[in-house]
Amino acid sequence: MILYLHGFRSSSLSAKSQQLQQAMAAAGRSQELAAPDLPDDPQAAIALAMAHAKQLCPSGNMQDLTVIGSSLGGYYATWLKEELNCKAVLINPAIYAVRDLSTQLGHTTKFHSDASFSFTAASVRALASLYRPVLTNMQRYYLLACTDDEVLDWQEMTHRYDGARLTLIQGGDHAFSMFERYLPAILDFTASK
């Protein structure tokens, strides 16, 4: 079971989300994937992600769940992994979301639509409440990070997830535009015990 969480201002229409959905469909596993459009409010986003996790694993056995998160979705995926003890694949994840997204306060639009939303000080406080200072069971994390991420610092990523399975891409970008190339390794990790 896979739950995909997109990043800030993104949606289920992102290239990574679409490629993952296509790969799961091609494998006849569409029913094992949820890739919701997350609300702009962090608490609502986490609540929706948790609801999808429970739908994917109705027995309550979260050992079979992998949360894949990109950027802010990686921040959320970390919280879910620690809460549920599932697995997490993190793609250029936000480490200090409060610091990094404090610069985004105000009105903005989504990347894949004209929908507008407000990102407020309350949103930043909600992000702060989701930070997990201590990470456990590092073997259940898989970090994919690009050294040329133009938004987030790959060294912060590798430090935070020290001990996780790691694919460090020399170059690359924040969007992780080479995602499709790494899908086999990601899906292999999701299937591992």
N, C-alpha and C. Protein backbone atom coordinates (compact mmCIF):
# COMPACT_ATOMS: atom_id res chain seq x y z
N MET A 1 0.84 -1.17 0.00
CA MET A 1 0.00 0.00 0.00
C MET A 1 0.89 1.25 0.00
N ILE A 2 0.53 2.21 -0.84
CA ILE A 2 1.34 3.42 -0.99
C ILE A 2 0.45 4.65 -0.88
N LEU A 3 0.91 5.59 -0.09
CA LEU A 3 0.26 6.89 0.04
C LEU A 3 1.26 7.93 -0.45
N TYR A 4 0.91 8.66 -1.51
CA TYR A 4 1.79 9.68 -2.06
C TYR A 4 1.34 11.06 -1.61
N LEU A 5 2.27 11.84 -1.05
CA LEU A 5 1.98 13.18 -0.55
C LEU A 5 2.82 14.20 -1.32
N HIS A 6 2.14 15.07 -2.03
CA HIS A 6 2.82 16.09 -2.83
C HIS A 6 3.33 17.23 -1.97
N GLY A 7 4.07 18.12 -2.59
CA GLY A 7 4.67 19.24 -1.88
C GLY A 7 3.81 20.49 -1.85
N PHE A 8 4.37 21.55 -1.29
CA PHE A 8 3.72 22.84 -1.15
C PHE A 8 3.33 23.39 -2.53
N ARG A 9 2.10 23.85 -2.65
CA ARG A 9 1.52 24.42 -3.88
C ARG A 9 1.32 23.38 -4.98
N SER A 10 1.62 22.12 -4.73
CA SER A 10 1.50 21.09 -5.75
C SER A 10 0.15 20.38 -5.62
N SER A 11 0.02 19.25 -6.33
CA SER A 11 -1.24 18.51 -6.32
C SER A 11 -1.00 17.10 -6.87
N SER A 12 -2.09 16.36 -6.97
CA SER A 12 -2.01 15.02 -7.56
C SER A 12 -1.74 15.09 -9.06
N LEU A 13 -1.73 16.28 -9.62
CA LEU A 13 -1.42 16.45 -11.04
C LEU A 13 0.07 16.63 -11.31
N SER A 14 0.88 16.62 -10.26
CA SER A 14 2.33 16.78 -10.46
C SER A 14 2.87 15.62 -11.28
N ALA A 15 4.01 15.85 -11.90
CA ALA A 15 4.63 14.81 -12.73
C ALA A 15 4.92 13.55 -11.91
N LYS A 16 5.46 13.71 -10.70
CA LYS A 16 5.78 12.53 -9.88
C LYS A 16 4.52 11.75 -9.53
N SER A 17 3.49 12.44 -9.13
CA SER A 17 2.24 11.78 -8.78
C SER A 17 1.67 11.03 -9.98
N GLN A 18 1.67 11.68 -11.13
CA GLN A 18 1.13 11.06 -12.35
C GLN A 18 1.96 9.84 -12.76
N GLN A 19 3.29 9.94 -12.67
CA GLN A 19 4.14 8.81 -13.04
C GLN A 19 3.95 7.64 -12.10
N LEU A 20 3.79 7.93 -10.81
CA LEU A 20 3.54 6.86 -9.84
C LEU A 20 2.19 6.21 -10.10
N GLN A 21 1.17 7.02 -10.35
CA GLN A 21 -0.16 6.47 -10.65
C GLN A 21 -0.12 5.59 -11.89
N GLN A 22 0.60 6.02 -12.92
CA GLN A 22 0.71 5.23 -14.15
C GLN A 22 1.46 3.92 -13.91
N ALA A 23 2.53 3.98 -13.12
CA ALA A 23 3.29 2.76 -12.83
C ALA A 23 2.45 1.76 -12.04
N MET A 24 1.69 2.25 -11.07
CA MET A 24 0.84 1.36 -10.28
C MET A 24 -0.27 0.78 -11.14
N ALA A 25 -0.84 1.57 -12.04
CA ALA A 25 -1.88 1.07 -12.93
C ALA A 25 -1.33 0.00 -13.87
N ALA A 26 -0.12 0.25 -14.41
CA ALA A 26 0.50 -0.71 -15.31
C ALA A 26 0.78 -2.03 -14.62
N ALA A 27 1.02 -1.99 -13.31
CA ALA A 27 1.28 -3.21 -12.53
C ALA A 27 -0.02 -3.82 -11.99
N GLY A 28 -1.17 -3.22 -12.33
CA GLY A 28 -2.44 -3.73 -11.84
C GLY A 28 -2.64 -3.47 -10.36
N ARG A 29 -2.02 -2.41 -9.85
CA ARG A 29 -2.05 -2.14 -8.41
C ARG A 29 -2.66 -0.79 -8.07
N SER A 30 -3.48 -0.25 -8.94
CA SER A 30 -4.07 1.07 -8.71
C SER A 30 -4.79 1.15 -7.37
N GLN A 31 -5.44 0.07 -6.97
CA GLN A 31 -6.20 0.07 -5.71
C GLN A 31 -5.29 0.11 -4.49
N GLU A 32 -3.99 -0.04 -4.67
CA GLU A 32 -3.03 -0.01 -3.57
C GLU A 32 -2.39 1.36 -3.40
N LEU A 33 -2.89 2.36 -4.12
CA LEU A 33 -2.30 3.70 -4.11
C LEU A 33 -3.36 4.75 -3.81
N ALA A 34 -3.00 5.69 -2.96
CA ALA A 34 -3.79 6.91 -2.76
C ALA A 34 -2.84 8.08 -2.99
N ALA A 35 -3.29 9.04 -3.78
CA ALA A 35 -2.49 10.24 -4.07
C ALA A 35 -3.42 11.45 -4.00
N PRO A 36 -3.84 11.81 -2.79
CA PRO A 36 -4.84 12.87 -2.65
C PRO A 36 -4.27 14.27 -2.88
N ASP A 37 -5.17 15.18 -3.20
CA ASP A 37 -4.84 16.61 -3.20
C ASP A 37 -4.92 17.06 -1.75
N LEU A 38 -3.80 17.46 -1.20
CA LEU A 38 -3.76 17.84 0.21
C LEU A 38 -4.30 19.26 0.42
N PRO A 39 -5.04 19.47 1.50
CA PRO A 39 -5.47 20.82 1.83
C PRO A 39 -4.26 21.71 2.14
N ASP A 40 -4.46 23.00 2.03
CA ASP A 40 -3.38 23.95 2.29
C ASP A 40 -3.04 24.04 3.77
N ASP A 41 -4.04 23.83 4.63
CA ASP A 41 -3.83 23.86 6.07
C ASP A 41 -3.08 22.59 6.50
N PRO A 42 -1.93 22.72 7.17
CA PRO A 42 -1.15 21.53 7.55
C PRO A 42 -1.92 20.53 8.42
N GLN A 43 -2.71 21.00 9.38
CA GLN A 43 -3.46 20.06 10.22
C GLN A 43 -4.50 19.30 9.40
N ALA A 44 -5.16 19.99 8.49
CA ALA A 44 -6.13 19.33 7.62
C ALA A 44 -5.42 18.36 6.67
N ALA A 45 -4.23 18.73 6.19
CA ALA A 45 -3.47 17.85 5.31
C ALA A 45 -3.08 16.56 6.04
N ILE A 46 -2.60 16.69 7.27
CA ILE A 46 -2.22 15.50 8.04
C ILE A 46 -3.45 14.64 8.35
N ALA A 47 -4.56 15.27 8.67
CA ALA A 47 -5.79 14.52 8.95
C ALA A 47 -6.25 13.74 7.72
N LEU A 48 -6.18 14.37 6.56
CA LEU A 48 -6.56 13.68 5.33
C LEU A 48 -5.59 12.55 5.01
N ALA A 49 -4.30 12.80 5.18
CA ALA A 49 -3.30 11.75 4.93
C ALA A 49 -3.53 10.57 5.87
N MET A 50 -3.81 10.84 7.13
CA MET A 50 -4.07 9.76 8.09
C MET A 50 -5.32 8.98 7.69
N ALA A 51 -6.34 9.67 7.24
CA ALA A 51 -7.57 8.99 6.81
C ALA A 51 -7.29 8.07 5.64
N HIS A 52 -6.47 8.53 4.69
CA HIS A 52 -6.11 7.68 3.54
C HIS A 52 -5.27 6.49 3.99
N ALA A 53 -4.36 6.70 4.93
CA ALA A 53 -3.54 5.58 5.44
C ALA A 53 -4.45 4.51 6.04
N LYS A 54 -5.43 4.93 6.80
CA LYS A 54 -6.35 3.96 7.43
C LYS A 54 -7.22 3.26 6.39
N GLN A 55 -7.60 3.97 5.32
CA GLN A 55 -8.37 3.34 4.25
C GLN A 55 -7.53 2.30 3.51
N LEU A 56 -6.25 2.62 3.28
CA LEU A 56 -5.37 1.67 2.59
C LEU A 56 -5.08 0.44 3.44
N CYS A 57 -5.08 0.59 4.75
CA CYS A 57 -4.77 -0.51 5.68
C CYS A 57 -5.91 -0.65 6.69
N PRO A 58 -7.08 -1.12 6.23
CA PRO A 58 -8.24 -1.18 7.13
C PRO A 58 -8.04 -2.11 8.32
N SER A 59 -7.12 -3.06 8.21
CA SER A 59 -6.86 -3.97 9.33
C SER A 59 -6.10 -3.27 10.46
N GLY A 60 -5.55 -2.10 10.14
CA GLY A 60 -4.75 -1.38 11.12
C GLY A 60 -3.28 -1.76 11.10
N ASN A 61 -2.90 -2.75 10.26
CA ASN A 61 -1.50 -3.17 10.14
C ASN A 61 -0.78 -2.21 9.20
N MET A 62 -0.09 -1.25 9.76
CA MET A 62 0.59 -0.23 8.96
C MET A 62 1.96 -0.68 8.47
N GLN A 63 2.37 -1.89 8.81
CA GLN A 63 3.67 -2.39 8.36
C GLN A 63 3.74 -2.50 6.84
N ASP A 64 2.57 -2.63 6.19
CA ASP A 64 2.53 -2.77 4.74
C ASP A 64 2.38 -1.44 4.02
N LEU A 65 2.32 -0.35 4.76
CA LEU A 65 2.13 0.97 4.17
C LEU A 65 3.47 1.67 3.97
N THR A 66 3.62 2.31 2.82
CA THR A 66 4.74 3.21 2.58
C THR A 66 4.17 4.56 2.19
N VAL A 67 4.62 5.59 2.89
CA VAL A 67 4.24 6.96 2.54
C VAL A 67 5.39 7.55 1.74
N ILE A 68 5.08 7.98 0.53
CA ILE A 68 6.07 8.65 -0.32
C ILE A 68 5.75 10.13 -0.27
N GLY A 69 6.74 10.95 0.12
CA GLY A 69 6.50 12.37 0.23
C GLY A 69 7.57 13.18 -0.46
N SER A 70 7.15 14.19 -1.18
CA SER A 70 8.06 15.09 -1.89
C SER A 70 8.02 16.46 -1.23
N SER A 71 9.18 17.00 -0.88
CA SER A 71 9.30 18.34 -0.32
C SER A 71 8.47 18.45 0.96
N LEU A 72 7.46 19.31 1.01
CA LEU A 72 6.61 19.39 2.21
C LEU A 72 5.92 18.05 2.46
N GLY A 73 5.61 17.32 1.40
CA GLY A 73 5.03 15.98 1.56
C GLY A 73 5.98 15.05 2.30
N GLY A 74 7.30 15.27 2.15
CA GLY A 74 8.29 14.49 2.89
C GLY A 74 8.27 14.82 4.38
N TYR A 75 8.00 16.07 4.70
CA TYR A 75 7.86 16.50 6.10
C TYR A 75 6.66 15.80 6.72
N TYR A 76 5.54 15.80 5.98
CA TYR A 76 4.34 15.10 6.44
C TYR A 76 4.58 13.59 6.54
N ALA A 77 5.28 13.04 5.54
CA ALA A 77 5.55 11.60 5.54
C ALA A 77 6.38 11.19 6.75
N THR A 78 7.29 12.06 7.17
CA THR A 78 8.10 11.77 8.36
C THR A 78 7.20 11.68 9.60
N TRP A 79 6.28 12.61 9.75
CA TRP A 79 5.36 12.59 10.88
C TRP A 79 4.53 11.30 10.85
N LEU A 80 4.02 10.94 9.68
CA LEU A 80 3.20 9.74 9.57
C LEU A 80 4.00 8.48 9.85
N LYS A 81 5.23 8.43 9.34
CA LYS A 81 6.07 7.24 9.57
C LYS A 81 6.31 7.06 11.06
N GLU A 82 6.61 8.14 11.75
CA GLU A 82 6.86 8.03 13.19
C GLU A 82 5.59 7.71 13.97
N GLU A 83 4.47 8.21 13.52
CA GLU A 83 3.19 7.96 14.18
C GLU A 83 2.70 6.53 13.97
N LEU A 84 2.89 6.02 12.75
CA LEU A 84 2.30 4.73 12.36
C LEU A 84 3.31 3.59 12.28
N ASN A 85 4.61 3.91 12.33
CA ASN A 85 5.68 2.94 12.12
C ASN A 85 5.55 2.23 10.77
N CYS A 86 5.11 2.98 9.78
CA CYS A 86 5.09 2.47 8.41
C CYS A 86 6.47 2.76 7.80
N LYS A 87 6.60 2.65 6.49
CA LYS A 87 7.83 3.04 5.82
C LYS A 87 7.63 4.40 5.16
N ALA A 88 8.73 5.07 4.87
CA ALA A 88 8.64 6.38 4.21
C ALA A 88 9.73 6.51 3.17
N VAL A 89 9.34 6.98 2.00
CA VAL A 89 10.26 7.36 0.93
C VAL A 89 10.19 8.88 0.85
N LEU A 90 11.34 9.53 1.02
CA LEU A 90 11.39 10.98 1.07
C LEU A 90 12.17 11.51 -0.12
N ILE A 91 11.53 12.38 -0.89
CA ILE A 91 12.13 12.92 -2.10
C ILE A 91 12.39 14.41 -1.88
N ASN A 92 13.66 14.77 -1.76
CA ASN A 92 14.02 16.16 -1.46
C ASN A 92 13.09 16.73 -0.38
N PRO A 93 13.07 16.10 0.79
CA PRO A 93 12.09 16.50 1.81
C PRO A 93 12.43 17.82 2.50
N ALA A 94 11.39 18.53 2.89
CA ALA A 94 11.57 19.69 3.75
C ALA A 94 12.01 19.19 5.12
N ILE A 95 13.05 19.76 5.66
CA ILE A 95 13.55 19.38 6.98
C ILE A 95 13.04 20.37 8.02
N TYR A 96 13.25 21.64 7.76
CA TYR A 96 12.81 22.70 8.66
C TYR A 96 11.71 23.50 7.97
N ALA A 97 10.55 22.88 7.88
CA ALA A 97 9.43 23.46 7.13
C ALA A 97 9.03 24.82 7.69
N VAL A 98 9.11 24.98 9.00
CA VAL A 98 8.75 26.27 9.61
C VAL A 98 9.66 27.36 9.07
N ARG A 99 10.95 27.13 9.10
CA ARG A 99 11.91 28.12 8.60
C ARG A 99 11.71 28.37 7.10
N ASP A 100 11.62 27.30 6.33
CA ASP A 100 11.60 27.44 4.88
C ASP A 100 10.29 28.00 4.35
N LEU A 101 9.19 27.66 4.98
CA LEU A 101 7.90 28.13 4.47
C LEU A 101 7.45 29.44 5.11
N SER A 102 8.16 29.92 6.12
CA SER A 102 7.85 31.23 6.69
C SER A 102 8.00 32.32 5.65
N THR A 103 8.78 32.07 4.63
CA THR A 103 8.98 33.05 3.56
C THR A 103 7.82 33.07 2.57
N GLN A 104 6.89 32.13 2.71
CA GLN A 104 5.79 31.99 1.75
C GLN A 104 4.46 32.55 2.27
N LEU A 105 4.50 33.29 3.37
CA LEU A 105 3.27 33.83 3.95
C LEU A 105 2.55 34.74 2.96
N GLY A 106 1.23 34.63 2.94
CA GLY A 106 0.42 35.49 2.08
C GLY A 106 -0.43 34.68 1.12
N HIS A 107 -0.93 35.36 0.10
CA HIS A 107 -1.78 34.73 -0.91
C HIS A 107 -0.91 34.22 -2.06
N THR A 108 -1.22 33.03 -2.52
CA THR A 108 -0.48 32.45 -3.65
C THR A 108 -1.43 31.53 -4.41
N THR A 109 -0.92 30.91 -5.46
CA THR A 109 -1.73 29.99 -6.25
C THR A 109 -1.05 28.63 -6.32
N LYS A 110 -1.81 27.65 -6.73
CA LYS A 110 -1.30 26.30 -6.94
C LYS A 110 -0.50 26.26 -8.25
N PHE A 111 0.36 25.26 -8.37
CA PHE A 111 1.15 25.11 -9.59
C PHE A 111 0.32 24.59 -10.76
N HIS A 112 -0.65 23.71 -10.48
CA HIS A 112 -1.35 23.03 -11.56
C HIS A 112 -2.77 23.54 -11.78
N SER A 113 -3.08 24.69 -11.19
CA SER A 113 -4.39 25.31 -11.40
C SER A 113 -4.29 26.78 -11.01
N ASP A 114 -5.37 27.49 -11.20
CA ASP A 114 -5.41 28.90 -10.80
C ASP A 114 -5.96 29.06 -9.40
N ALA A 115 -6.19 27.96 -8.70
CA ALA A 115 -6.75 28.02 -7.35
C ALA A 115 -5.81 28.80 -6.45
N SER A 116 -6.37 29.74 -5.71
CA SER A 116 -5.56 30.53 -4.80
C SER A 116 -5.80 30.09 -3.36
N PHE A 117 -4.85 30.37 -2.51
CA PHE A 117 -4.99 30.08 -1.09
C PHE A 117 -4.10 31.01 -0.30
N SER A 118 -4.35 31.06 0.99
CA SER A 118 -3.54 31.87 1.90
C SER A 118 -2.72 30.97 2.79
N PHE A 119 -1.46 31.29 2.91
CA PHE A 119 -0.58 30.59 3.83
C PHE A 119 -0.26 31.58 4.94
N THR A 120 -0.66 31.26 6.17
CA THR A 120 -0.67 32.22 7.26
C THR A 120 0.30 31.83 8.39
N ALA A 121 0.40 32.72 9.35
CA ALA A 121 1.19 32.43 10.55
C ALA A 121 0.62 31.22 11.27
N ALA A 122 -0.70 31.04 11.23
CA ALA A 122 -1.31 29.86 11.84
C ALA A 122 -0.86 28.59 11.12
N SER A 123 -0.68 28.67 9.80
CA SER A 123 -0.18 27.52 9.03
C SER A 123 1.23 27.15 9.49
N VAL A 124 2.05 28.17 9.72
CA VAL A 124 3.43 27.93 10.17
C VAL A 124 3.42 27.30 11.56
N ARG A 125 2.56 27.79 12.45
CA ARG A 125 2.46 27.19 13.79
C ARG A 125 2.01 25.73 13.69
N ALA A 126 1.10 25.44 12.77
CA ALA A 126 0.64 24.06 12.58
C ALA A 126 1.80 23.18 12.10
N LEU A 127 2.63 23.71 11.22
CA LEU A 127 3.80 22.95 10.77
C LEU A 127 4.73 22.65 11.93
N ALA A 128 4.91 23.63 12.80
CA ALA A 128 5.81 23.45 13.95
C ALA A 128 5.33 22.30 14.83
N SER A 129 4.03 22.15 14.97
CA SER A 129 3.49 21.08 15.81
C SER A 129 3.72 19.69 15.22
N LEU A 130 4.06 19.62 13.93
CA LEU A 130 4.26 18.33 13.25
C LEU A 130 5.73 17.91 13.19
N TYR A 131 6.61 18.75 13.69
CA TYR A 131 8.04 18.40 13.65
C TYR A 131 8.33 17.28 14.63
N ARG A 132 9.03 16.24 14.17
CA ARG A 132 9.42 15.14 15.03
C ARG A 132 10.93 15.24 15.26
N PRO A 133 11.36 15.66 16.45
CA PRO A 133 12.79 15.87 16.69
C PRO A 133 13.59 14.57 16.71
N VAL A 134 12.97 13.48 17.11
CA VAL A 134 13.67 12.19 17.19
C VAL A 134 13.06 11.25 16.17
N LEU A 135 13.91 10.66 15.34
CA LEU A 135 13.46 9.69 14.35
C LEU A 135 13.87 8.29 14.78
N THR A 136 13.04 7.32 14.48
CA THR A 136 13.29 5.94 14.90
C THR A 136 13.29 5.00 13.70
N ASN A 137 13.82 3.81 13.91
CA ASN A 137 13.81 2.76 12.87
C ASN A 137 14.24 3.31 11.51
N MET A 138 15.45 3.82 11.47
CA MET A 138 15.93 4.50 10.26
C MET A 138 15.93 3.59 9.03
N GLN A 139 15.98 2.27 9.23
CA GLN A 139 15.96 1.34 8.09
C GLN A 139 14.61 1.38 7.37
N ARG A 140 13.61 2.01 7.98
CA ARG A 140 12.28 2.12 7.35
C ARG A 140 12.13 3.43 6.56
N TYR A 141 13.23 4.17 6.45
CA TYR A 141 13.26 5.39 5.64
C TYR A 141 14.12 5.16 4.39
N TYR A 142 13.71 5.76 3.29
CA TYR A 142 14.52 5.79 2.07
C TYR A 142 14.53 7.24 1.59
N LEU A 143 15.71 7.85 1.60
CA LEU A 143 15.89 9.24 1.21
C LEU A 143 16.48 9.33 -0.19
N LEU A 144 15.83 10.11 -1.04
CA LEU A 144 16.37 10.44 -2.36
C LEU A 144 16.57 11.95 -2.37
N ALA A 145 17.82 12.38 -2.55
CA ALA A 145 18.14 13.80 -2.46
C ALA A 145 19.04 14.21 -3.62
N CYS A 146 18.83 15.43 -4.10
CA CYS A 146 19.64 15.98 -5.19
C CYS A 146 20.59 17.05 -4.65
N THR A 147 21.84 16.98 -5.07
CA THR A 147 22.82 17.95 -4.58
C THR A 147 22.60 19.35 -5.16
N ASP A 148 21.88 19.45 -6.26
CA ASP A 148 21.60 20.76 -6.85
C ASP A 148 20.17 21.21 -6.61
N ASP A 149 19.53 20.68 -5.56
CA ASP A 149 18.20 21.15 -5.18
C ASP A 149 18.29 22.65 -4.96
N GLU A 150 17.53 23.41 -5.71
CA GLU A 150 17.61 24.87 -5.66
C GLU A 150 16.75 25.48 -4.56
N VAL A 151 16.00 24.64 -3.84
CA VAL A 151 15.10 25.13 -2.79
C VAL A 151 15.57 24.70 -1.40
N LEU A 152 15.94 23.44 -1.25
CA LEU A 152 16.29 22.87 0.05
C LEU A 152 17.72 22.33 0.05
N ASP A 153 18.32 22.24 1.22
CA ASP A 153 19.71 21.84 1.38
C ASP A 153 19.84 20.32 1.54
N TRP A 154 20.49 19.68 0.58
CA TRP A 154 20.63 18.22 0.62
C TRP A 154 21.45 17.76 1.83
N GLN A 155 22.38 18.60 2.30
CA GLN A 155 23.18 18.22 3.46
C GLN A 155 22.32 18.15 4.72
N GLU A 156 21.35 19.05 4.85
CA GLU A 156 20.41 18.96 5.97
C GLU A 156 19.60 17.67 5.87
N MET A 157 19.24 17.31 4.64
CA MET A 157 18.47 16.08 4.44
C MET A 157 19.26 14.85 4.88
N THR A 158 20.50 14.75 4.40
CA THR A 158 21.29 13.55 4.72
C THR A 158 21.65 13.50 6.19
N HIS A 159 21.82 14.65 6.82
CA HIS A 159 22.09 14.68 8.26
C HIS A 159 20.87 14.22 9.05
N ARG A 160 19.71 14.75 8.71
CA ARG A 160 18.47 14.41 9.43
C ARG A 160 18.14 12.93 9.31
N TYR A 161 18.37 12.35 8.14
CA TYR A 161 18.00 10.95 7.90
C TYR A 161 19.23 10.04 7.87
N ASP A 162 20.22 10.39 8.67
CA ASP A 162 21.42 9.57 8.78
C ASP A 162 21.02 8.16 9.21
N GLY A 163 21.48 7.16 8.47
CA GLY A 163 21.13 5.77 8.77
C GLY A 163 20.03 5.22 7.88
N ALA A 164 19.37 6.11 7.12
CA ALA A 164 18.34 5.67 6.19
C ALA A 164 19.00 5.15 4.91
N ARG A 165 18.26 4.36 4.16
CA ARG A 165 18.71 4.01 2.82
C ARG A 165 18.81 5.34 2.06
N LEU A 166 19.85 5.53 1.28
CA LEU A 166 20.11 6.82 0.65
C LEU A 166 20.46 6.66 -0.82
N THR A 167 19.81 7.46 -1.66
CA THR A 167 20.25 7.66 -3.03
C THR A 167 20.51 9.15 -3.16
N LEU A 168 21.78 9.49 -3.29
CA LEU A 168 22.18 10.89 -3.45
C LEU A 168 22.52 11.13 -4.92
N ILE A 169 21.76 12.00 -5.55
CA ILE A 169 21.92 12.28 -6.96
C ILE A 169 22.80 13.52 -7.11
N GLN A 170 23.92 13.35 -7.80
CA GLN A 170 24.77 14.50 -8.09
C GLN A 170 24.07 15.35 -9.15
N GLY A 171 23.77 16.58 -8.80
CA GLY A 171 23.01 17.44 -9.70
C GLY A 171 21.53 17.34 -9.36
N GLY A 172 20.72 17.26 -10.38
CA GLY A 172 19.28 17.15 -10.17
C GLY A 172 18.65 18.49 -9.83
N ASP A 173 17.40 18.44 -9.39
CA ASP A 173 16.67 19.66 -9.06
C ASP A 173 15.64 19.36 -7.98
N HIS A 174 15.03 20.42 -7.44
CA HIS A 174 14.07 20.22 -6.35
C HIS A 174 12.86 19.41 -6.80
N ALA A 175 12.43 19.60 -8.04
CA ALA A 175 11.27 18.87 -8.56
C ALA A 175 11.56 17.37 -8.73
N PHE A 176 12.83 17.00 -8.63
CA PHE A 176 13.26 15.61 -8.84
C PHE A 176 12.72 15.12 -10.18
N SER A 177 13.07 15.87 -11.22
CA SER A 177 12.54 15.60 -12.56
C SER A 177 12.95 14.25 -13.12
N MET A 178 13.90 13.58 -12.48
CA MET A 178 14.31 12.25 -12.93
C MET A 178 13.58 11.14 -12.17
N PHE A 179 12.47 11.49 -11.54
CA PHE A 179 11.71 10.57 -10.68
C PHE A 179 11.44 9.22 -11.35
N GLU A 180 11.01 9.25 -12.60
CA GLU A 180 10.63 8.01 -13.29
C GLU A 180 11.79 7.01 -13.32
N ARG A 181 13.01 7.51 -13.45
CA ARG A 181 14.19 6.65 -13.48
C ARG A 181 14.38 5.90 -12.16
N TYR A 182 13.93 6.50 -11.05
CA TYR A 182 14.12 5.90 -9.73
C TYR A 182 12.89 5.16 -9.23
N LEU A 183 11.83 5.14 -10.02
CA LEU A 183 10.61 4.43 -9.60
C LEU A 183 10.84 2.95 -9.30
N PRO A 184 11.61 2.21 -10.10
CA PRO A 184 11.83 0.80 -9.76
C PRO A 184 12.45 0.62 -8.37
N ALA A 185 13.45 1.44 -8.03
CA ALA A 185 14.07 1.33 -6.70
C ALA A 185 13.09 1.70 -5.61
N ILE A 186 12.28 2.72 -5.86
CA ILE A 186 11.27 3.14 -4.87
C ILE A 186 10.26 2.03 -4.65
N LEU A 187 9.75 1.46 -5.73
CA LEU A 187 8.74 0.41 -5.60
C LEU A 187 9.34 -0.85 -4.97
N ASP A 188 10.61 -1.10 -5.24
CA ASP A 188 11.29 -2.22 -4.60
C ASP A 188 11.35 -2.01 -3.08
N PHE A 189 11.65 -0.79 -2.66
CA PHE A 189 11.69 -0.48 -1.23
C PHE A 189 10.31 -0.65 -0.59
N THR A 190 9.27 -0.22 -1.30
CA THR A 190 7.92 -0.34 -0.74
C THR A 190 7.54 -1.80 -0.55
N ALA A 191 8.07 -2.68 -1.39
CA ALA A 191 7.72 -4.10 -1.31
C ALA A 191 8.57 -4.88 -0.31
N SER A 192 9.68 -4.28 0.13
CA SER A 192 10.58 -5.00 1.05
C SER A 192 9.98 -5.06 2.44
N LYS A 193 10.39 -6.05 3.20
CA LYS A 193 9.90 -6.21 4.58
C LYS A 193 10.84 -5.58 5.58
